[in-house]
Amino acid sequence: MAVQAASGTMSRSQTQRRKRIVQTAAALAVRGGVDAMQMRSVAERAGVALGTLYRYFPSKMDLVVAVVTEELDLLEGGIVRRPPTADTAAGRAVDVLLRATLGLMREPELADALVRSLITAEVRIELDTRICDLVWRVATDDLTNLPVGEEVSDAPVDRDSTGYVLIGSLISVWIFELVEVLKGHRDVDEVERRLHITAERLLASF
């Protein structure tokens, strides 16, 4: 049975062990991408038994998601500390996506891990929802209830609304642009231009 991820269900030592595993996996990903995150290598470098690693992360993709989630935690924390100041929903949404892009481009292998996890069926819903919720709250200028890390917001998000669907469409464009950057077909300035054009059209009614 997998160890529960939420800090409230783990002891302090379990939480520290899990964090060490994720940090080890992230370090391997930075050097060699998802392919370098072999479960046996992660276990050896983190100083845990392979069976212990699998109790925390039943599959390699679970571990990839944990690494990517830490990056999202950092992004959310930065947004809470320094919220976007654009006057429009489109401008605020693009600000978030550009911050994410610039952060990921500092570690292209982690960017590759994010893209792979976002296009993998079994984890797409989880990460898509996390990113869409973040951009939605920023675009609608509702940061008062923005959850950070493992905190959970009580503020409802209407994921069936037209606005939320449009945010999802913008996220899909952003993922495609990330792929183009990783291929060397785009630079960040071009991504910014394209995101602004797309966001201004999609979110004009916000």
N, C-alpha and C. Protein backbone atom coordinates (compact mmCIF):
# COMPACT_ATOMS: atom_id res chain seq x y z
N MET A 1 0.85 -1.20 0.00
CA MET A 1 0.00 0.00 0.00
C MET A 1 0.88 1.24 0.00
N ALA A 2 0.57 2.22 -0.88
CA ALA A 2 1.41 3.41 -1.00
C ALA A 2 1.29 4.29 0.23
N VAL A 3 2.40 4.92 0.60
CA VAL A 3 2.38 5.88 1.69
C VAL A 3 1.60 7.10 1.24
N GLN A 4 0.70 7.61 2.07
CA GLN A 4 -0.11 8.76 1.70
C GLN A 4 0.77 9.98 1.53
N ALA A 5 0.48 10.78 0.48
CA ALA A 5 1.31 11.94 0.16
C ALA A 5 1.07 13.10 1.11
N ALA A 6 -0.13 13.26 1.60
CA ALA A 6 -0.44 14.41 2.43
C ALA A 6 0.34 14.38 3.72
N SER A 7 0.91 15.54 4.09
CA SER A 7 1.75 15.59 5.28
C SER A 7 0.99 15.18 6.52
N GLY A 8 -0.33 15.40 6.53
CA GLY A 8 -1.11 15.08 7.70
C GLY A 8 -1.22 13.60 7.97
N THR A 9 -0.91 12.77 7.00
CA THR A 9 -1.01 11.33 7.18
C THR A 9 0.36 10.67 7.26
N MET A 10 1.41 11.45 7.31
CA MET A 10 2.76 10.90 7.41
C MET A 10 3.45 11.44 8.65
N SER A 11 4.33 10.63 9.21
CA SER A 11 5.14 11.10 10.33
C SER A 11 6.19 12.07 9.79
N ARG A 12 6.86 12.73 10.71
CA ARG A 12 7.90 13.69 10.30
C ARG A 12 9.00 12.98 9.52
N SER A 13 9.41 11.81 9.99
CA SER A 13 10.49 11.10 9.31
C SER A 13 10.06 10.64 7.92
N GLN A 14 8.78 10.24 7.78
CA GLN A 14 8.27 9.84 6.47
C GLN A 14 8.22 11.03 5.52
N THR A 15 7.80 12.18 6.06
CA THR A 15 7.74 13.39 5.24
C THR A 15 9.14 13.77 4.75
N GLN A 16 10.12 13.69 5.66
CA GLN A 16 11.50 14.03 5.28
C GLN A 16 12.05 13.03 4.27
N ARG A 17 11.72 11.76 4.45
CA ARG A 17 12.18 10.73 3.51
C ARG A 17 11.58 10.97 2.12
N ARG A 18 10.29 11.27 2.10
CA ARG A 18 9.63 11.53 0.82
C ARG A 18 10.26 12.74 0.13
N LYS A 19 10.52 13.79 0.89
CA LYS A 19 11.13 15.00 0.32
C LYS A 19 12.51 14.69 -0.25
N ARG A 20 13.29 13.86 0.47
CA ARG A 20 14.62 13.49 -0.01
C ARG A 20 14.54 12.71 -1.31
N ILE A 21 13.56 11.84 -1.40
CA ILE A 21 13.37 11.06 -2.64
C ILE A 21 13.04 11.98 -3.81
N VAL A 22 12.12 12.91 -3.58
CA VAL A 22 11.71 13.83 -4.66
C VAL A 22 12.87 14.71 -5.08
N GLN A 23 13.64 15.21 -4.12
CA GLN A 23 14.79 16.05 -4.45
C GLN A 23 15.84 15.27 -5.23
N THR A 24 16.04 14.02 -4.86
CA THR A 24 16.99 13.17 -5.58
C THR A 24 16.52 12.94 -7.01
N ALA A 25 15.23 12.65 -7.17
CA ALA A 25 14.67 12.44 -8.51
C ALA A 25 14.79 13.69 -9.36
N ALA A 26 14.55 14.85 -8.74
CA ALA A 26 14.65 16.12 -9.48
C ALA A 26 16.08 16.35 -9.94
N ALA A 27 17.05 16.04 -9.07
CA ALA A 27 18.45 16.22 -9.45
C ALA A 27 18.83 15.32 -10.62
N LEU A 28 18.33 14.12 -10.63
CA LEU A 28 18.58 13.21 -11.75
C LEU A 28 17.91 13.72 -13.02
N ALA A 29 16.70 14.24 -12.88
CA ALA A 29 15.96 14.76 -14.04
C ALA A 29 16.67 15.94 -14.66
N VAL A 30 17.24 16.80 -13.82
CA VAL A 30 17.97 17.97 -14.31
C VAL A 30 19.15 17.55 -15.17
N ARG A 31 19.80 16.47 -14.77
CA ARG A 31 20.99 16.02 -15.52
C ARG A 31 20.63 15.19 -16.75
N GLY A 32 19.54 14.42 -16.66
CA GLY A 32 19.29 13.52 -17.78
C GLY A 32 17.84 13.34 -18.17
N GLY A 33 16.97 14.20 -17.65
CA GLY A 33 15.56 14.11 -18.03
C GLY A 33 14.85 12.94 -17.37
N VAL A 34 13.65 12.68 -17.85
CA VAL A 34 12.83 11.62 -17.28
C VAL A 34 13.52 10.26 -17.38
N ASP A 35 14.25 10.06 -18.46
CA ASP A 35 14.91 8.77 -18.67
C ASP A 35 15.93 8.47 -17.57
N ALA A 36 16.50 9.53 -16.97
CA ALA A 36 17.50 9.34 -15.92
C ALA A 36 16.87 9.02 -14.57
N MET A 37 15.56 9.18 -14.46
CA MET A 37 14.87 8.94 -13.19
C MET A 37 14.50 7.46 -13.06
N GLN A 38 15.49 6.61 -13.13
CA GLN A 38 15.25 5.18 -12.94
C GLN A 38 15.02 4.92 -11.45
N MET A 39 14.02 4.13 -11.16
CA MET A 39 13.62 3.92 -9.77
C MET A 39 14.77 3.38 -8.92
N ARG A 40 15.54 2.45 -9.45
CA ARG A 40 16.66 1.89 -8.69
C ARG A 40 17.72 2.96 -8.42
N SER A 41 17.99 3.81 -9.40
CA SER A 41 18.99 4.87 -9.22
C SER A 41 18.51 5.88 -8.18
N VAL A 42 17.23 6.22 -8.24
CA VAL A 42 16.68 7.17 -7.26
C VAL A 42 16.78 6.59 -5.85
N ALA A 43 16.43 5.32 -5.70
CA ALA A 43 16.49 4.68 -4.38
C ALA A 43 17.91 4.67 -3.83
N GLU A 44 18.86 4.30 -4.67
CA GLU A 44 20.26 4.22 -4.22
C GLU A 44 20.77 5.59 -3.80
N ARG A 45 20.51 6.61 -4.62
CA ARG A 45 21.02 7.95 -4.32
C ARG A 45 20.31 8.60 -3.14
N ALA A 46 19.04 8.22 -2.93
CA ALA A 46 18.29 8.78 -1.81
C ALA A 46 18.55 8.02 -0.51
N GLY A 47 19.23 6.88 -0.62
CA GLY A 47 19.54 6.09 0.57
C GLY A 47 18.36 5.34 1.14
N VAL A 48 17.46 4.87 0.25
CA VAL A 48 16.31 4.09 0.72
C VAL A 48 16.26 2.78 -0.06
N ALA A 49 15.61 1.80 0.51
CA ALA A 49 15.43 0.52 -0.18
C ALA A 49 14.47 0.72 -1.36
N LEU A 50 14.65 -0.08 -2.39
CA LEU A 50 13.79 0.03 -3.56
C LEU A 50 12.33 -0.20 -3.19
N GLY A 51 12.08 -1.17 -2.29
CA GLY A 51 10.71 -1.43 -1.85
C GLY A 51 10.11 -0.23 -1.14
N THR A 52 10.94 0.49 -0.36
CA THR A 52 10.47 1.70 0.32
C THR A 52 10.07 2.76 -0.69
N LEU A 53 10.91 2.92 -1.72
CA LEU A 53 10.60 3.90 -2.76
C LEU A 53 9.24 3.60 -3.40
N TYR A 54 8.99 2.33 -3.68
CA TYR A 54 7.73 1.96 -4.33
C TYR A 54 6.54 2.15 -3.40
N ARG A 55 6.75 2.11 -2.08
CA ARG A 55 5.64 2.39 -1.17
C ARG A 55 5.23 3.86 -1.24
N TYR A 56 6.21 4.72 -1.46
CA TYR A 56 5.91 6.15 -1.59
C TYR A 56 5.39 6.49 -2.99
N PHE A 57 6.01 5.87 -3.99
CA PHE A 57 5.69 6.17 -5.38
C PHE A 57 5.55 4.85 -6.15
N PRO A 58 4.32 4.36 -6.31
CA PRO A 58 4.09 3.05 -6.93
C PRO A 58 4.61 2.94 -8.36
N SER A 59 4.80 4.08 -9.05
CA SER A 59 5.29 4.03 -10.42
C SER A 59 6.23 5.20 -10.67
N LYS A 60 6.98 5.09 -11.74
CA LYS A 60 7.88 6.17 -12.12
C LYS A 60 7.10 7.44 -12.42
N MET A 61 5.94 7.31 -13.05
CA MET A 61 5.15 8.50 -13.36
C MET A 61 4.66 9.20 -12.10
N ASP A 62 4.37 8.44 -11.05
CA ASP A 62 4.00 9.06 -9.78
C ASP A 62 5.14 9.94 -9.27
N LEU A 63 6.36 9.47 -9.47
CA LEU A 63 7.53 10.22 -9.03
C LEU A 63 7.72 11.47 -9.90
N VAL A 64 7.51 11.33 -11.20
CA VAL A 64 7.60 12.48 -12.10
C VAL A 64 6.59 13.55 -11.68
N VAL A 65 5.38 13.12 -11.39
CA VAL A 65 4.34 14.06 -10.96
C VAL A 65 4.75 14.78 -9.68
N ALA A 66 5.37 14.07 -8.75
CA ALA A 66 5.81 14.68 -7.50
C ALA A 66 6.86 15.76 -7.76
N VAL A 67 7.79 15.48 -8.68
CA VAL A 67 8.82 16.45 -9.03
C VAL A 67 8.19 17.69 -9.66
N VAL A 68 7.29 17.48 -10.60
CA VAL A 68 6.63 18.59 -11.27
C VAL A 68 5.77 19.39 -10.29
N THR A 69 5.13 18.69 -9.35
CA THR A 69 4.29 19.35 -8.36
C THR A 69 5.12 20.30 -7.50
N GLU A 70 6.34 19.92 -7.17
CA GLU A 70 7.21 20.81 -6.39
C GLU A 70 7.48 22.09 -7.17
N GLU A 71 7.66 21.96 -8.49
CA GLU A 71 7.88 23.15 -9.31
C GLU A 71 6.63 24.04 -9.30
N LEU A 72 5.45 23.43 -9.32
CA LEU A 72 4.22 24.20 -9.26
C LEU A 72 4.07 24.89 -7.90
N ASP A 73 4.50 24.20 -6.84
CA ASP A 73 4.47 24.82 -5.51
C ASP A 73 5.30 26.11 -5.49
N LEU A 74 6.49 26.05 -6.10
CA LEU A 74 7.37 27.22 -6.15
C LEU A 74 6.72 28.34 -6.96
N LEU A 75 6.09 27.98 -8.08
CA LEU A 75 5.42 28.98 -8.91
C LEU A 75 4.30 29.65 -8.14
N GLU A 76 3.47 28.86 -7.45
CA GLU A 76 2.36 29.42 -6.68
C GLU A 76 2.86 30.33 -5.57
N GLY A 77 3.91 29.90 -4.90
CA GLY A 77 4.47 30.72 -3.83
C GLY A 77 4.96 32.07 -4.35
N GLY A 78 5.60 32.05 -5.53
CA GLY A 78 6.08 33.30 -6.13
C GLY A 78 4.94 34.21 -6.51
N ILE A 79 3.84 33.64 -6.97
CA ILE A 79 2.68 34.44 -7.38
C ILE A 79 2.02 35.07 -6.17
N VAL A 80 1.93 34.34 -5.07
CA VAL A 80 1.35 34.89 -3.85
C VAL A 80 2.21 36.06 -3.34
N ARG A 81 3.53 35.88 -3.40
CA ARG A 81 4.44 36.94 -2.92
C ARG A 81 4.45 38.14 -3.85
N ARG A 82 4.35 37.88 -5.16
CA ARG A 82 4.43 38.97 -6.15
C ARG A 82 3.37 38.75 -7.21
N PRO A 83 2.14 39.14 -6.92
CA PRO A 83 1.03 38.88 -7.84
C PRO A 83 1.19 39.64 -9.15
N PRO A 84 0.67 39.09 -10.24
CA PRO A 84 0.67 39.81 -11.52
C PRO A 84 -0.07 41.14 -11.38
N THR A 85 0.39 42.16 -12.07
CA THR A 85 -0.20 43.50 -11.94
C THR A 85 -0.92 43.97 -13.19
N ALA A 86 -1.03 43.11 -14.21
CA ALA A 86 -1.69 43.50 -15.45
C ALA A 86 -3.15 43.87 -15.18
N ASP A 87 -3.68 44.78 -15.98
CA ASP A 87 -5.04 45.26 -15.80
C ASP A 87 -6.09 44.29 -16.33
N THR A 88 -5.69 43.38 -17.21
CA THR A 88 -6.66 42.49 -17.85
C THR A 88 -6.45 41.04 -17.43
N ALA A 89 -7.51 40.24 -17.56
CA ALA A 89 -7.40 38.81 -17.26
C ALA A 89 -6.38 38.16 -18.18
N ALA A 90 -6.38 38.55 -19.45
CA ALA A 90 -5.43 37.97 -20.41
C ALA A 90 -4.00 38.27 -19.99
N GLY A 91 -3.74 39.50 -19.59
CA GLY A 91 -2.39 39.88 -19.17
C GLY A 91 -1.93 39.13 -17.94
N ARG A 92 -2.85 38.96 -16.98
CA ARG A 92 -2.48 38.23 -15.76
C ARG A 92 -2.24 36.75 -16.05
N ALA A 93 -3.07 36.17 -16.91
CA ALA A 93 -2.91 34.75 -17.26
C ALA A 93 -1.57 34.52 -17.96
N VAL A 94 -1.23 35.40 -18.89
CA VAL A 94 0.03 35.26 -19.61
C VAL A 94 1.22 35.45 -18.67
N ASP A 95 1.08 36.36 -17.71
CA ASP A 95 2.15 36.56 -16.72
C ASP A 95 2.48 35.25 -16.02
N VAL A 96 1.43 34.53 -15.57
CA VAL A 96 1.65 33.25 -14.89
C VAL A 96 2.37 32.26 -15.80
N LEU A 97 1.89 32.14 -17.02
CA LEU A 97 2.46 31.15 -17.94
C LEU A 97 3.88 31.51 -18.36
N LEU A 98 4.18 32.79 -18.44
CA LEU A 98 5.55 33.19 -18.77
C LEU A 98 6.49 32.92 -17.60
N ARG A 99 6.01 33.17 -16.38
CA ARG A 99 6.85 32.85 -15.22
C ARG A 99 7.15 31.35 -15.19
N ALA A 100 6.13 30.56 -15.48
CA ALA A 100 6.34 29.11 -15.52
C ALA A 100 7.32 28.73 -16.62
N THR A 101 7.19 29.36 -17.78
CA THR A 101 8.08 29.07 -18.90
C THR A 101 9.51 29.42 -18.57
N LEU A 102 9.73 30.61 -18.05
CA LEU A 102 11.09 31.05 -17.73
C LEU A 102 11.71 30.17 -16.65
N GLY A 103 10.91 29.80 -15.65
CA GLY A 103 11.42 28.92 -14.60
C GLY A 103 11.81 27.56 -15.15
N LEU A 104 10.98 27.01 -16.01
CA LEU A 104 11.25 25.70 -16.58
C LEU A 104 12.44 25.73 -17.54
N MET A 105 12.60 26.82 -18.26
CA MET A 105 13.69 26.89 -19.23
C MET A 105 15.06 26.96 -18.55
N ARG A 106 15.05 27.30 -17.25
CA ARG A 106 16.32 27.25 -16.52
C ARG A 106 16.78 25.81 -16.33
N GLU A 107 15.80 24.90 -16.36
CA GLU A 107 16.09 23.47 -16.25
C GLU A 107 15.32 22.75 -17.36
N PRO A 108 15.84 22.76 -18.59
CA PRO A 108 15.09 22.19 -19.72
C PRO A 108 14.66 20.74 -19.51
N GLU A 109 15.46 19.96 -18.78
CA GLU A 109 15.08 18.57 -18.57
C GLU A 109 13.84 18.46 -17.69
N LEU A 110 13.70 19.39 -16.74
CA LEU A 110 12.49 19.40 -15.94
C LEU A 110 11.29 19.86 -16.77
N ALA A 111 11.55 20.79 -17.69
CA ALA A 111 10.49 21.21 -18.60
C ALA A 111 10.01 20.02 -19.42
N ASP A 112 10.97 19.21 -19.86
CA ASP A 112 10.62 18.00 -20.62
C ASP A 112 9.77 17.07 -19.76
N ALA A 113 10.13 16.95 -18.49
CA ALA A 113 9.36 16.09 -17.57
C ALA A 113 7.93 16.61 -17.42
N LEU A 114 7.79 17.94 -17.33
CA LEU A 114 6.45 18.52 -17.20
C LEU A 114 5.62 18.21 -18.44
N VAL A 115 6.20 18.44 -19.60
CA VAL A 115 5.45 18.21 -20.84
C VAL A 115 5.04 16.75 -20.95
N ARG A 116 5.95 15.86 -20.63
CA ARG A 116 5.63 14.44 -20.72
C ARG A 116 4.51 14.07 -19.76
N SER A 117 4.56 14.63 -18.56
CA SER A 117 3.53 14.29 -17.57
C SER A 117 2.18 14.87 -17.97
N LEU A 118 2.18 16.03 -18.62
CA LEU A 118 0.93 16.66 -19.02
C LEU A 118 0.26 15.95 -20.19
N ILE A 119 1.04 15.20 -20.97
CA ILE A 119 0.43 14.51 -22.10
C ILE A 119 0.26 13.02 -21.84
N THR A 120 0.52 12.61 -20.59
CA THR A 120 0.32 11.21 -20.21
C THR A 120 -1.07 11.06 -19.62
N ALA A 121 -1.84 10.16 -20.16
CA ALA A 121 -3.27 10.06 -19.83
C ALA A 121 -3.53 9.93 -18.33
N GLU A 122 -2.75 9.08 -17.62
CA GLU A 122 -3.11 8.79 -16.25
C GLU A 122 -2.85 9.94 -15.28
N VAL A 123 -2.06 10.93 -15.68
CA VAL A 123 -1.81 12.06 -14.78
C VAL A 123 -2.27 13.38 -15.36
N ARG A 124 -2.72 13.38 -16.59
CA ARG A 124 -3.08 14.64 -17.26
C ARG A 124 -4.14 15.41 -16.48
N ILE A 125 -5.19 14.70 -16.02
CA ILE A 125 -6.28 15.40 -15.34
C ILE A 125 -5.78 16.09 -14.08
N GLU A 126 -4.98 15.39 -13.29
CA GLU A 126 -4.49 15.96 -12.03
C GLU A 126 -3.68 17.23 -12.25
N LEU A 127 -2.70 17.19 -13.15
CA LEU A 127 -1.84 18.34 -13.35
C LEU A 127 -2.54 19.44 -14.14
N ASP A 128 -3.34 19.06 -15.12
CA ASP A 128 -4.10 20.06 -15.87
C ASP A 128 -4.98 20.87 -14.93
N THR A 129 -5.65 20.17 -14.02
CA THR A 129 -6.55 20.86 -13.10
C THR A 129 -5.77 21.79 -12.19
N ARG A 130 -4.63 21.34 -11.70
CA ARG A 130 -3.81 22.19 -10.82
C ARG A 130 -3.39 23.47 -11.54
N ILE A 131 -2.92 23.34 -12.76
CA ILE A 131 -2.46 24.51 -13.51
C ILE A 131 -3.62 25.40 -13.90
N CYS A 132 -4.72 24.79 -14.36
CA CYS A 132 -5.90 25.57 -14.76
C CYS A 132 -6.48 26.33 -13.57
N ASP A 133 -6.56 25.69 -12.41
CA ASP A 133 -7.06 26.37 -11.22
C ASP A 133 -6.21 27.60 -10.89
N LEU A 134 -4.89 27.43 -10.99
CA LEU A 134 -3.98 28.53 -10.68
C LEU A 134 -4.20 29.70 -11.65
N VAL A 135 -4.19 29.41 -12.93
CA VAL A 135 -4.35 30.49 -13.92
C VAL A 135 -5.74 31.12 -13.81
N TRP A 136 -6.75 30.29 -13.54
CA TRP A 136 -8.11 30.82 -13.35
C TRP A 136 -8.17 31.82 -12.21
N ARG A 137 -7.59 31.46 -11.07
CA ARG A 137 -7.64 32.35 -9.90
C ARG A 137 -6.89 33.64 -10.17
N VAL A 138 -5.76 33.54 -10.86
CA VAL A 138 -5.00 34.76 -11.16
C VAL A 138 -5.74 35.61 -12.19
N ALA A 139 -6.26 34.97 -13.23
CA ALA A 139 -6.95 35.71 -14.29
C ALA A 139 -8.18 36.43 -13.75
N THR A 140 -8.89 35.79 -12.83
CA THR A 140 -10.10 36.40 -12.25
C THR A 140 -9.77 37.26 -11.03
N ASP A 141 -8.47 37.46 -10.79
CA ASP A 141 -8.00 38.33 -9.71
C ASP A 141 -8.51 37.87 -8.35
N ASP A 142 -8.45 36.54 -8.12
CA ASP A 142 -8.91 35.95 -6.87
C ASP A 142 -7.76 35.20 -6.22
N LEU A 143 -6.82 35.96 -5.67
CA LEU A 143 -5.65 35.33 -5.03
C LEU A 143 -5.85 35.13 -3.54
N THR A 144 -6.93 35.63 -2.99
CA THR A 144 -7.10 35.55 -1.54
C THR A 144 -7.24 34.11 -1.07
N ASN A 145 -7.75 33.24 -1.95
CA ASN A 145 -7.95 31.84 -1.56
C ASN A 145 -7.06 30.90 -2.36
N LEU A 146 -5.96 31.43 -2.90
CA LEU A 146 -5.06 30.59 -3.68
C LEU A 146 -4.35 29.61 -2.76
N PRO A 147 -4.50 28.29 -2.98
CA PRO A 147 -3.79 27.31 -2.17
C PRO A 147 -2.33 27.26 -2.55
N VAL A 148 -1.47 27.02 -1.60
CA VAL A 148 -0.03 26.91 -1.88
C VAL A 148 0.45 25.57 -1.34
N GLY A 149 1.12 24.80 -2.19
CA GLY A 149 1.63 23.51 -1.76
C GLY A 149 0.52 22.56 -1.42
N GLU A 150 0.56 22.03 -0.19
CA GLU A 150 -0.41 21.04 0.21
C GLU A 150 -1.66 21.64 0.84
N GLU A 151 -1.69 22.98 0.97
CA GLU A 151 -2.89 23.61 1.49
C GLU A 151 -4.03 23.46 0.49
N VAL A 152 -5.22 23.43 0.99
CA VAL A 152 -6.39 23.26 0.13
C VAL A 152 -7.28 24.47 0.28
N SER A 153 -7.68 25.05 -0.85
CA SER A 153 -8.57 26.20 -0.82
C SER A 153 -10.01 25.76 -0.66
N ASP A 154 -10.77 26.51 0.16
CA ASP A 154 -12.19 26.23 0.31
C ASP A 154 -13.02 26.96 -0.74
N ALA A 155 -12.38 27.90 -1.46
CA ALA A 155 -13.11 28.67 -2.46
C ALA A 155 -13.44 27.79 -3.65
N PRO A 156 -14.71 27.78 -4.07
CA PRO A 156 -15.10 26.92 -5.18
C PRO A 156 -14.55 27.42 -6.51
N VAL A 157 -14.27 26.49 -7.40
CA VAL A 157 -13.88 26.81 -8.77
C VAL A 157 -14.89 26.14 -9.68
N ASP A 158 -15.58 26.93 -10.48
CA ASP A 158 -16.58 26.38 -11.38
C ASP A 158 -15.90 25.87 -12.64
N ARG A 159 -15.53 24.59 -12.62
CA ARG A 159 -14.77 24.04 -13.73
C ARG A 159 -15.63 23.74 -14.95
N ASP A 160 -16.94 23.94 -14.82
CA ASP A 160 -17.83 23.76 -15.98
C ASP A 160 -18.15 25.08 -16.66
N SER A 161 -17.66 26.18 -16.11
CA SER A 161 -17.98 27.49 -16.68
C SER A 161 -17.25 27.71 -18.00
N THR A 162 -17.81 28.58 -18.81
CA THR A 162 -17.18 28.91 -20.09
C THR A 162 -15.79 29.50 -19.88
N GLY A 163 -15.66 30.35 -18.89
CA GLY A 163 -14.36 30.97 -18.61
C GLY A 163 -13.29 29.95 -18.28
N TYR A 164 -13.65 28.97 -17.47
CA TYR A 164 -12.68 27.95 -17.09
C TYR A 164 -12.27 27.11 -18.30
N VAL A 165 -13.24 26.80 -19.16
CA VAL A 165 -12.94 26.04 -20.38
C VAL A 165 -11.98 26.83 -21.26
N LEU A 166 -12.18 28.15 -21.36
CA LEU A 166 -11.30 28.98 -22.16
C LEU A 166 -9.89 29.02 -21.57
N ILE A 167 -9.80 29.05 -20.25
CA ILE A 167 -8.49 28.98 -19.60
C ILE A 167 -7.82 27.66 -19.97
N GLY A 168 -8.58 26.58 -19.96
CA GLY A 168 -8.03 25.28 -20.35
C GLY A 168 -7.49 25.29 -21.78
N SER A 169 -8.20 25.99 -22.67
CA SER A 169 -7.73 26.09 -24.05
C SER A 169 -6.41 26.86 -24.12
N LEU A 170 -6.30 27.91 -23.32
CA LEU A 170 -5.05 28.67 -23.27
C LEU A 170 -3.90 27.80 -22.75
N ILE A 171 -4.18 26.98 -21.74
CA ILE A 171 -3.17 26.07 -21.20
C ILE A 171 -2.70 25.10 -22.29
N SER A 172 -3.62 24.61 -23.09
CA SER A 172 -3.26 23.69 -24.17
C SER A 172 -2.32 24.35 -25.17
N VAL A 173 -2.60 25.61 -25.49
CA VAL A 173 -1.71 26.36 -26.39
C VAL A 173 -0.32 26.50 -25.75
N TRP A 174 -0.31 26.79 -24.45
CA TRP A 174 0.97 26.96 -23.74
C TRP A 174 1.79 25.67 -23.77
N ILE A 175 1.15 24.54 -23.55
CA ILE A 175 1.86 23.26 -23.59
C ILE A 175 2.48 23.04 -24.97
N PHE A 176 1.73 23.35 -26.02
CA PHE A 176 2.26 23.21 -27.38
C PHE A 176 3.46 24.13 -27.56
N GLU A 177 3.37 25.35 -27.06
CA GLU A 177 4.49 26.29 -27.19
C GLU A 177 5.72 25.80 -26.42
N LEU A 178 5.49 25.18 -25.26
CA LEU A 178 6.62 24.61 -24.52
C LEU A 178 7.32 23.53 -25.34
N VAL A 179 6.53 22.70 -26.00
CA VAL A 179 7.11 21.66 -26.85
C VAL A 179 7.97 22.29 -27.94
N GLU A 180 7.47 23.36 -28.55
CA GLU A 180 8.22 24.03 -29.62
C GLU A 180 9.52 24.64 -29.10
N VAL A 181 9.48 25.17 -27.88
CA VAL A 181 10.71 25.71 -27.27
C VAL A 181 11.72 24.59 -27.05
N LEU A 182 11.25 23.47 -26.52
CA LEU A 182 12.14 22.34 -26.25
C LEU A 182 12.74 21.79 -27.53
N LYS A 183 12.03 21.90 -28.63
CA LYS A 183 12.53 21.45 -29.93
C LYS A 183 13.49 22.45 -30.56
N GLY A 184 13.56 23.66 -29.97
CA GLY A 184 14.40 24.70 -30.54
C GLY A 184 13.72 25.49 -31.64
N HIS A 185 12.40 25.35 -31.77
CA HIS A 185 11.65 26.03 -32.84
C HIS A 185 11.13 27.39 -32.41
N ARG A 186 11.16 27.70 -31.13
CA ARG A 186 10.66 28.97 -30.60
C ARG A 186 11.65 29.50 -29.56
N ASP A 187 11.66 30.83 -29.41
CA ASP A 187 12.32 31.40 -28.24
C ASP A 187 11.24 31.98 -27.33
N VAL A 188 11.62 32.37 -26.13
CA VAL A 188 10.63 32.81 -25.14
C VAL A 188 9.90 34.06 -25.61
N ASP A 189 10.60 34.97 -26.31
CA ASP A 189 9.93 36.18 -26.80
C ASP A 189 8.80 35.83 -27.77
N GLU A 190 9.04 34.86 -28.63
CA GLU A 190 8.00 34.45 -29.58
C GLU A 190 6.84 33.77 -28.85
N VAL A 191 7.17 32.97 -27.84
CA VAL A 191 6.12 32.34 -27.03
C VAL A 191 5.26 33.41 -26.36
N GLU A 192 5.91 34.42 -25.81
CA GLU A 192 5.16 35.51 -25.16
C GLU A 192 4.21 36.19 -26.15
N ARG A 193 4.70 36.49 -27.34
CA ARG A 193 3.87 37.14 -28.35
C ARG A 193 2.66 36.28 -28.69
N ARG A 194 2.88 34.99 -28.90
CA ARG A 194 1.79 34.10 -29.28
C ARG A 194 0.78 33.92 -28.14
N LEU A 195 1.28 33.83 -26.91
CA LEU A 195 0.38 33.68 -25.78
C LEU A 195 -0.49 34.92 -25.60
N HIS A 196 0.11 36.10 -25.78
CA HIS A 196 -0.67 37.33 -25.65
C HIS A 196 -1.78 37.38 -26.69
N ILE A 197 -1.46 37.05 -27.93
CA ILE A 197 -2.47 37.06 -28.99
C ILE A 197 -3.61 36.10 -28.66
N THR A 198 -3.24 34.88 -28.24
CA THR A 198 -4.23 33.85 -27.93
C THR A 198 -5.08 34.25 -26.72
N ALA A 199 -4.42 34.71 -25.65
CA ALA A 199 -5.14 35.06 -24.43
C ALA A 199 -6.08 36.24 -24.65
N GLU A 200 -5.65 37.21 -25.41
CA GLU A 200 -6.50 38.39 -25.64
C GLU A 200 -7.77 38.00 -26.41
N ARG A 201 -7.67 37.03 -27.30
CA ARG A 201 -8.84 36.58 -28.04
C ARG A 201 -9.74 35.69 -27.16
N LEU A 202 -9.11 34.74 -26.46
CA LEU A 202 -9.89 33.78 -25.67
C LEU A 202 -10.55 34.43 -24.46
N LEU A 203 -9.84 35.36 -23.84
CA LEU A 203 -10.32 35.91 -22.55
C LEU A 203 -10.87 37.32 -22.70
N ALA A 204 -11.25 37.70 -23.90
CA ALA A 204 -11.74 39.06 -24.14
C ALA A 204 -12.98 39.40 -23.32
N SER A 205 -13.78 38.39 -23.01
CA SER A 205 -15.05 38.63 -22.31
C SER A 205 -14.90 38.63 -20.79
N PHE A 206 -13.70 38.37 -20.27
CA PHE A 206 -13.52 38.32 -18.80
C PHE A 206 -13.68 39.71 -18.20
